[in-house]
Structures are given as C-alpha cells and as structure tokens.
Amino acid sequence: QQQFKESGGGSVQTGESLTLSCVGSTSLYTSACIGWFRQAPGKGREGVAAIVPSGGRTHYVEFAKGRFTVSQDNSKKTVYLQMNSLKPEDTAMYYCAADVSAFPSCRNFYGDPYQNFASWGQGTQVTVSS
C-alpha cells in the first residue's frame, strides 16, 4: 500500500509562498487520486487540492483556487503543492493521502477525508504570520 511523507512546511509572512512535497513509497499511478488536506488547531481535516496521477487532472476547493497549484512528478514519486499569497488562515498541518476506497476517484476528495482516503503521512506544519 502506498505510504507518503510530507515536507516543505515552515514559517512565513503573509503574502509569501511555500512549496510542499509529498513523496510516495510506490509509483503514483497506483493511486486513482492523491489529495492534499490540512488541519488547523481545533478544526477538522479539510481538503485543499487533489490530482489524478493518470492524466494529471486537478481539483481544488474554493479557498485554494487561484493561489494553490497541485502537480506531480512520477519519476520522483512526488506530488507538490505550490502555495502562493499565503494568509494567516492557511496556518495548519498539511497532509497528503490516497483514495483507497472500493471506487477510488477524486470525486471522493470533496467528501469526508477519513471516509475514503488513507496512507496519511505525518504531515508538515505551515505557519503564516501577519
């Protein structure tokens, strides 16, 4: 089963950028959908962006559109999340995971993260100060 390790988080100022990396243990093509999620202190885990490894189609939630870009490099077994124009409300632990449900699809990305996604990494912390 795919396992992920996230990195690239850090502390930045409002308006700055960060690029997160999610390295898989096997080919990205073993997953129908790989998503980025985040969890702020005291809040639930929410989707940020997702990618279909076969074909590269991307999905974004509303707050990520226009600021975040998800991409992949299967030769490095890595999914990236480029985050621009960061805001204090983007402060959270960021995770990546794969859809492991019986019918995996990035349509599941918009639902409960825990229902269909697994192989969570340890996360990488992003802190944005004003």
N, C-alpha and C. Protein backbone atom coordinates (compact mmCIF):
# COMPACT_ATOMS: atom_id res chain seq x y z
N GLN A 1 0.84 -1.18 0.00
CA GLN A 1 0.00 0.00 0.00
C GLN A 1 0.88 1.24 0.00
N GLN A 2 0.40 2.22 -0.72
CA GLN A 2 1.13 3.48 -0.80
C GLN A 2 1.29 4.12 0.57
N GLN A 3 2.48 4.63 0.84
CA GLN A 3 2.75 5.42 2.03
C GLN A 3 3.36 6.73 1.60
N PHE A 4 3.03 7.80 2.32
CA PHE A 4 3.50 9.13 1.94
C PHE A 4 4.31 9.78 3.05
N LYS A 5 5.19 10.69 2.63
CA LYS A 5 5.93 11.50 3.57
C LYS A 5 5.91 12.93 3.06
N GLU A 6 5.39 13.84 3.88
CA GLU A 6 5.29 15.23 3.51
C GLU A 6 6.47 16.03 4.03
N SER A 7 6.81 17.10 3.32
CA SER A 7 7.87 18.00 3.75
C SER A 7 7.67 19.36 3.08
N GLY A 8 8.44 20.32 3.52
CA GLY A 8 8.43 21.63 2.87
C GLY A 8 7.71 22.72 3.64
N GLY A 9 7.09 22.35 4.76
CA GLY A 9 6.42 23.36 5.56
C GLY A 9 7.42 24.31 6.22
N GLY A 10 6.87 25.35 6.84
CA GLY A 10 7.72 26.32 7.52
C GLY A 10 6.92 27.49 8.01
N SER A 11 7.63 28.49 8.50
CA SER A 11 7.00 29.73 8.98
C SER A 11 7.29 30.85 8.00
N VAL A 12 6.24 31.50 7.53
CA VAL A 12 6.38 32.56 6.54
C VAL A 12 5.49 33.73 6.94
N GLN A 13 5.69 34.84 6.23
CA GLN A 13 4.87 36.02 6.42
C GLN A 13 3.70 36.02 5.43
N THR A 14 2.68 36.78 5.75
CA THR A 14 1.54 36.93 4.85
C THR A 14 2.01 37.35 3.46
N GLY A 15 1.48 36.70 2.45
CA GLY A 15 1.83 37.03 1.08
C GLY A 15 2.97 36.21 0.49
N GLU A 16 3.69 35.51 1.34
CA GLU A 16 4.82 34.70 0.85
C GLU A 16 4.33 33.35 0.31
N SER A 17 5.29 32.58 -0.18
CA SER A 17 4.96 31.30 -0.83
C SER A 17 5.70 30.14 -0.18
N LEU A 18 5.15 28.96 -0.35
CA LEU A 18 5.79 27.72 0.06
C LEU A 18 5.42 26.64 -0.93
N THR A 19 6.32 25.68 -1.10
CA THR A 19 6.01 24.51 -1.90
C THR A 19 6.16 23.26 -1.03
N LEU A 20 5.08 22.53 -0.89
CA LEU A 20 5.10 21.30 -0.11
C LEU A 20 5.33 20.12 -1.04
N SER A 21 5.99 19.10 -0.50
CA SER A 21 6.25 17.87 -1.26
C SER A 21 5.65 16.69 -0.53
N CYS A 22 5.17 15.76 -1.30
CA CYS A 22 4.58 14.52 -0.77
C CYS A 22 5.20 13.38 -1.56
N VAL A 23 6.11 12.66 -0.91
CA VAL A 23 6.82 11.58 -1.59
C VAL A 23 6.15 10.25 -1.27
N GLY A 24 5.82 9.50 -2.32
CA GLY A 24 5.20 8.21 -2.14
C GLY A 24 6.21 7.08 -2.09
N SER A 25 5.77 5.95 -1.56
CA SER A 25 6.64 4.78 -1.46
C SER A 25 6.64 3.95 -2.73
N THR A 26 5.61 4.16 -3.55
CA THR A 26 5.50 3.45 -4.82
C THR A 26 5.07 4.43 -5.90
N SER A 27 4.95 3.94 -7.11
CA SER A 27 4.53 4.78 -8.21
C SER A 27 3.21 5.49 -7.90
N LEU A 28 3.14 6.75 -8.28
CA LEU A 28 1.90 7.50 -8.05
C LEU A 28 0.74 6.89 -8.82
N TYR A 29 1.04 6.18 -9.90
CA TYR A 29 -0.01 5.63 -10.74
C TYR A 29 -0.78 4.49 -10.07
N THR A 30 -0.28 4.04 -8.90
CA THR A 30 -1.03 3.02 -8.16
C THR A 30 -2.25 3.61 -7.48
N SER A 31 -2.34 4.94 -7.48
CA SER A 31 -3.46 5.63 -6.83
C SER A 31 -4.30 6.34 -7.88
N ALA A 32 -5.62 6.26 -7.73
CA ALA A 32 -6.52 6.93 -8.66
C ALA A 32 -6.64 8.42 -8.34
N CYS A 33 -6.38 8.76 -7.08
CA CYS A 33 -6.49 10.15 -6.67
C CYS A 33 -5.59 10.36 -5.46
N ILE A 34 -4.79 11.39 -5.49
CA ILE A 34 -3.95 11.77 -4.35
C ILE A 34 -4.33 13.18 -3.95
N GLY A 35 -4.63 13.37 -2.68
CA GLY A 35 -5.09 14.66 -2.22
C GLY A 35 -4.19 15.29 -1.19
N TRP A 36 -4.25 16.61 -1.15
CA TRP A 36 -3.65 17.38 -0.07
C TRP A 36 -4.78 17.84 0.84
N PHE A 37 -4.54 17.72 2.13
CA PHE A 37 -5.51 18.10 3.14
C PHE A 37 -4.80 18.93 4.20
N ARG A 38 -5.58 19.61 5.02
CA ARG A 38 -4.97 20.36 6.11
C ARG A 38 -5.87 20.33 7.33
N GLN A 39 -5.23 20.54 8.47
CA GLN A 39 -5.97 20.56 9.73
C GLN A 39 -5.40 21.65 10.61
N ALA A 40 -6.21 22.63 10.90
CA ALA A 40 -5.81 23.73 11.79
C ALA A 40 -6.14 23.33 13.22
N PRO A 41 -5.47 23.92 14.19
CA PRO A 41 -5.74 23.60 15.60
C PRO A 41 -7.21 23.77 15.93
N GLY A 42 -7.81 22.73 16.53
CA GLY A 42 -9.20 22.81 16.95
C GLY A 42 -10.21 22.63 15.84
N LYS A 43 -9.74 22.34 14.63
CA LYS A 43 -10.65 22.19 13.50
C LYS A 43 -10.51 20.80 12.88
N GLY A 44 -11.47 20.44 12.04
CA GLY A 44 -11.41 19.17 11.36
C GLY A 44 -10.49 19.20 10.17
N ARG A 45 -10.20 18.04 9.65
CA ARG A 45 -9.34 17.95 8.47
C ARG A 45 -10.17 18.27 7.22
N GLU A 46 -9.60 19.09 6.35
CA GLU A 46 -10.33 19.51 5.15
C GLU A 46 -9.47 19.35 3.91
N GLY A 47 -10.14 19.15 2.80
CA GLY A 47 -9.43 19.02 1.53
C GLY A 47 -8.91 20.36 1.05
N VAL A 48 -7.80 20.32 0.33
CA VAL A 48 -7.18 21.51 -0.23
C VAL A 48 -7.13 21.38 -1.76
N ALA A 49 -6.49 20.33 -2.22
CA ALA A 49 -6.33 20.10 -3.66
C ALA A 49 -6.07 18.62 -3.89
N ALA A 50 -6.36 18.18 -5.09
CA ALA A 50 -6.13 16.77 -5.42
C ALA A 50 -5.72 16.64 -6.88
N ILE A 51 -5.10 15.51 -7.18
CA ILE A 51 -4.66 15.27 -8.55
C ILE A 51 -4.90 13.81 -8.93
N VAL A 52 -5.27 13.61 -10.18
CA VAL A 52 -5.42 12.28 -10.73
C VAL A 52 -4.08 11.93 -11.37
N PRO A 53 -3.30 11.02 -10.78
CA PRO A 53 -1.96 10.74 -11.32
C PRO A 53 -1.96 10.34 -12.79
N SER A 54 -2.95 9.58 -13.18
CA SER A 54 -3.05 9.18 -14.58
C SER A 54 -3.80 10.25 -15.35
N GLY A 55 -3.06 11.14 -15.98
CA GLY A 55 -3.69 12.22 -16.73
C GLY A 55 -3.44 13.60 -16.17
N GLY A 56 -3.25 13.70 -14.86
CA GLY A 56 -2.90 14.97 -14.25
C GLY A 56 -4.04 15.92 -13.98
N ARG A 57 -5.30 15.47 -14.10
CA ARG A 57 -6.40 16.37 -13.81
C ARG A 57 -6.34 16.80 -12.35
N THR A 58 -6.62 18.07 -12.11
CA THR A 58 -6.52 18.62 -10.77
C THR A 58 -7.87 19.08 -10.24
N HIS A 59 -7.97 19.13 -8.92
CA HIS A 59 -9.18 19.55 -8.23
C HIS A 59 -8.78 20.49 -7.10
N TYR A 60 -9.57 21.53 -6.88
CA TYR A 60 -9.29 22.49 -5.82
C TYR A 60 -10.57 22.85 -5.09
N VAL A 61 -10.44 23.06 -3.79
CA VAL A 61 -11.55 23.63 -3.06
C VAL A 61 -11.50 25.14 -3.27
N GLU A 62 -12.57 25.80 -2.89
CA GLU A 62 -12.73 27.22 -3.25
C GLU A 62 -11.58 28.08 -2.76
N PHE A 63 -11.14 27.91 -1.51
CA PHE A 63 -10.13 28.81 -0.97
C PHE A 63 -8.76 28.60 -1.61
N ALA A 64 -8.58 27.48 -2.29
CA ALA A 64 -7.30 27.18 -2.91
C ALA A 64 -7.21 27.65 -4.37
N LYS A 65 -8.35 27.87 -4.96
CA LYS A 65 -8.36 28.26 -6.37
C LYS A 65 -7.65 29.60 -6.58
N GLY A 66 -6.76 29.64 -7.55
CA GLY A 66 -6.04 30.86 -7.87
C GLY A 66 -4.80 31.11 -7.03
N ARG A 67 -4.66 30.42 -5.90
CA ARG A 67 -3.49 30.62 -5.03
C ARG A 67 -2.62 29.37 -4.95
N PHE A 68 -3.24 28.20 -4.98
CA PHE A 68 -2.51 26.95 -4.82
C PHE A 68 -2.49 26.18 -6.13
N THR A 69 -1.41 25.44 -6.35
CA THR A 69 -1.30 24.61 -7.53
C THR A 69 -0.76 23.24 -7.12
N VAL A 70 -1.49 22.20 -7.49
CA VAL A 70 -1.05 20.83 -7.23
C VAL A 70 -0.46 20.26 -8.53
N SER A 71 0.66 19.56 -8.39
CA SER A 71 1.31 18.98 -9.55
C SER A 71 2.01 17.69 -9.14
N GLN A 72 2.56 16.98 -10.10
CA GLN A 72 3.20 15.70 -9.78
C GLN A 72 4.43 15.48 -10.65
N ASP A 73 5.33 14.66 -10.14
CA ASP A 73 6.48 14.18 -10.89
C ASP A 73 6.61 12.70 -10.53
N ASN A 74 6.06 11.86 -11.39
CA ASN A 74 6.05 10.45 -11.04
C ASN A 74 7.44 9.83 -11.06
N SER A 75 8.37 10.42 -11.78
CA SER A 75 9.74 9.90 -11.77
C SER A 75 10.35 10.03 -10.38
N LYS A 76 9.84 10.98 -9.61
CA LYS A 76 10.29 11.18 -8.23
C LYS A 76 9.23 10.69 -7.24
N LYS A 77 8.15 10.12 -7.73
CA LYS A 77 7.05 9.65 -6.88
C LYS A 77 6.58 10.75 -5.95
N THR A 78 6.48 11.96 -6.47
CA THR A 78 6.21 13.13 -5.64
C THR A 78 5.05 13.95 -6.17
N VAL A 79 4.19 14.35 -5.26
CA VAL A 79 3.12 15.31 -5.54
C VAL A 79 3.47 16.59 -4.81
N TYR A 80 3.32 17.71 -5.50
CA TYR A 80 3.67 19.01 -4.93
C TYR A 80 2.42 19.85 -4.69
N LEU A 81 2.54 20.76 -3.75
CA LEU A 81 1.51 21.77 -3.54
C LEU A 81 2.22 23.12 -3.45
N GLN A 82 2.10 23.88 -4.52
CA GLN A 82 2.65 25.23 -4.54
C GLN A 82 1.62 26.17 -3.96
N MET A 83 2.00 26.89 -2.91
CA MET A 83 1.07 27.79 -2.23
C MET A 83 1.59 29.21 -2.32
N ASN A 84 0.83 30.07 -2.95
CA ASN A 84 1.20 31.48 -3.10
C ASN A 84 0.24 32.36 -2.31
N SER A 85 0.65 33.59 -2.09
CA SER A 85 -0.20 34.57 -1.40
C SER A 85 -0.77 34.00 -0.11
N LEU A 86 0.09 33.43 0.69
CA LEU A 86 -0.36 32.78 1.91
C LEU A 86 -0.96 33.77 2.91
N LYS A 87 -1.95 33.28 3.64
CA LYS A 87 -2.67 34.08 4.62
C LYS A 87 -2.58 33.41 5.99
N PRO A 88 -2.77 34.17 7.06
CA PRO A 88 -2.73 33.55 8.39
C PRO A 88 -3.71 32.39 8.53
N GLU A 89 -4.85 32.47 7.86
CA GLU A 89 -5.83 31.39 7.95
C GLU A 89 -5.39 30.12 7.23
N ASP A 90 -4.28 30.17 6.50
CA ASP A 90 -3.71 28.96 5.90
C ASP A 90 -2.85 28.18 6.89
N THR A 91 -2.66 28.74 8.07
CA THR A 91 -1.87 28.05 9.09
C THR A 91 -2.54 26.74 9.48
N ALA A 92 -1.80 25.65 9.33
CA ALA A 92 -2.34 24.31 9.59
C ALA A 92 -1.24 23.27 9.40
N MET A 93 -1.55 22.05 9.80
CA MET A 93 -0.72 20.91 9.44
C MET A 93 -1.26 20.40 8.11
N TYR A 94 -0.37 20.19 7.15
CA TYR A 94 -0.77 19.75 5.82
C TYR A 94 -0.38 18.29 5.62
N TYR A 95 -1.30 17.53 5.07
CA TYR A 95 -1.12 16.10 4.86
C TYR A 95 -1.45 15.73 3.41
N CYS A 96 -0.88 14.61 2.97
CA CYS A 96 -1.33 14.04 1.70
C CYS A 96 -1.79 12.61 1.96
N ALA A 97 -2.66 12.15 1.07
CA ALA A 97 -3.22 10.81 1.23
C ALA A 97 -3.79 10.36 -0.12
N ALA A 98 -4.02 9.07 -0.22
CA ALA A 98 -4.56 8.49 -1.44
C ALA A 98 -5.95 7.93 -1.18
N ASP A 99 -6.78 7.99 -2.20
CA ASP A 99 -8.11 7.39 -2.11
C ASP A 99 -7.96 5.88 -2.20
N VAL A 100 -8.37 5.18 -1.16
CA VAL A 100 -8.22 3.73 -1.10
C VAL A 100 -9.57 3.05 -1.06
N SER A 101 -10.61 3.77 -1.41
CA SER A 101 -11.94 3.20 -1.35
C SER A 101 -12.15 2.17 -2.45
N ALA A 102 -13.28 1.50 -2.40
CA ALA A 102 -13.58 0.47 -3.39
C ALA A 102 -13.73 1.06 -4.79
N PHE A 103 -14.14 2.32 -4.84
CA PHE A 103 -14.31 3.02 -6.12
C PHE A 103 -13.56 4.34 -6.03
N PRO A 104 -12.23 4.28 -6.08
CA PRO A 104 -11.43 5.49 -5.89
C PRO A 104 -11.63 6.49 -7.02
N SER A 105 -11.75 7.74 -6.62
CA SER A 105 -11.96 8.81 -7.59
C SER A 105 -11.75 10.14 -6.89
N CYS A 106 -11.30 11.12 -7.62
CA CYS A 106 -11.15 12.43 -6.99
C CYS A 106 -12.50 13.08 -6.69
N ARG A 107 -13.60 12.47 -7.14
CA ARG A 107 -14.91 12.96 -6.70
C ARG A 107 -15.05 12.72 -5.19
N ASN A 108 -14.34 11.72 -4.66
CA ASN A 108 -14.39 11.45 -3.23
C ASN A 108 -13.63 12.50 -2.44
N PHE A 109 -12.76 13.25 -3.11
CA PHE A 109 -11.95 14.26 -2.45
C PHE A 109 -12.82 15.31 -1.77
N TYR A 110 -14.01 15.54 -2.29
CA TYR A 110 -14.88 16.59 -1.77
C TYR A 110 -15.70 16.13 -0.56
N GLY A 111 -15.57 14.86 -0.19
CA GLY A 111 -16.31 14.34 0.94
C GLY A 111 -15.48 14.30 2.21
N ASP A 112 -15.87 13.45 3.13
CA ASP A 112 -15.16 13.28 4.39
C ASP A 112 -13.78 12.67 4.10
N PRO A 113 -12.69 13.38 4.46
CA PRO A 113 -11.36 12.86 4.14
C PRO A 113 -11.11 11.47 4.71
N TYR A 114 -11.64 11.21 5.89
CA TYR A 114 -11.34 9.93 6.53
C TYR A 114 -12.15 8.78 5.93
N GLN A 115 -13.18 9.08 5.19
CA GLN A 115 -14.04 8.03 4.67
C GLN A 115 -13.36 7.25 3.55
N ASN A 116 -12.63 7.96 2.69
CA ASN A 116 -12.09 7.31 1.51
C ASN A 116 -10.57 7.39 1.39
N PHE A 117 -9.94 8.28 2.14
CA PHE A 117 -8.51 8.50 1.99
C PHE A 117 -7.75 7.87 3.14
N ALA A 118 -6.58 7.32 2.81
CA ALA A 118 -5.73 6.69 3.81
C ALA A 118 -4.27 6.85 3.37
N SER A 119 -3.41 6.14 4.04
CA SER A 119 -1.96 6.24 3.81
C SER A 119 -1.48 7.64 4.16
N TRP A 120 -2.03 8.22 5.22
CA TRP A 120 -1.66 9.56 5.64
C TRP A 120 -0.20 9.59 6.08
N GLY A 121 0.48 10.66 5.71
CA GLY A 121 1.83 10.88 6.21
C GLY A 121 1.77 11.53 7.58
N GLN A 122 2.92 11.96 8.08
CA GLN A 122 2.99 12.57 9.40
C GLN A 122 2.63 14.05 9.35
N GLY A 123 2.55 14.59 8.15
CA GLY A 123 2.17 15.99 7.98
C GLY A 123 3.37 16.92 8.01
N THR A 124 3.14 18.13 7.51
CA THR A 124 4.16 19.17 7.56
C THR A 124 3.47 20.47 7.96
N GLN A 125 4.05 21.17 8.93
CA GLN A 125 3.42 22.34 9.52
C GLN A 125 3.68 23.59 8.68
N VAL A 126 2.61 24.32 8.41
CA VAL A 126 2.70 25.62 7.74
C VAL A 126 2.16 26.67 8.70
N THR A 127 2.96 27.68 8.97
CA THR A 127 2.56 28.77 9.85
C THR A 127 2.73 30.08 9.11
N VAL A 128 1.65 30.84 9.02
CA VAL A 128 1.69 32.12 8.32
C VAL A 128 1.36 33.23 9.33
N SER A 129 2.28 34.15 9.48
CA SER A 129 2.09 35.24 10.43
C SER A 129 1.81 36.53 9.68
N SER A 130 1.06 37.40 10.35
CA SER A 130 0.68 38.67 9.71
C SER A 130 1.69 39.75 9.98
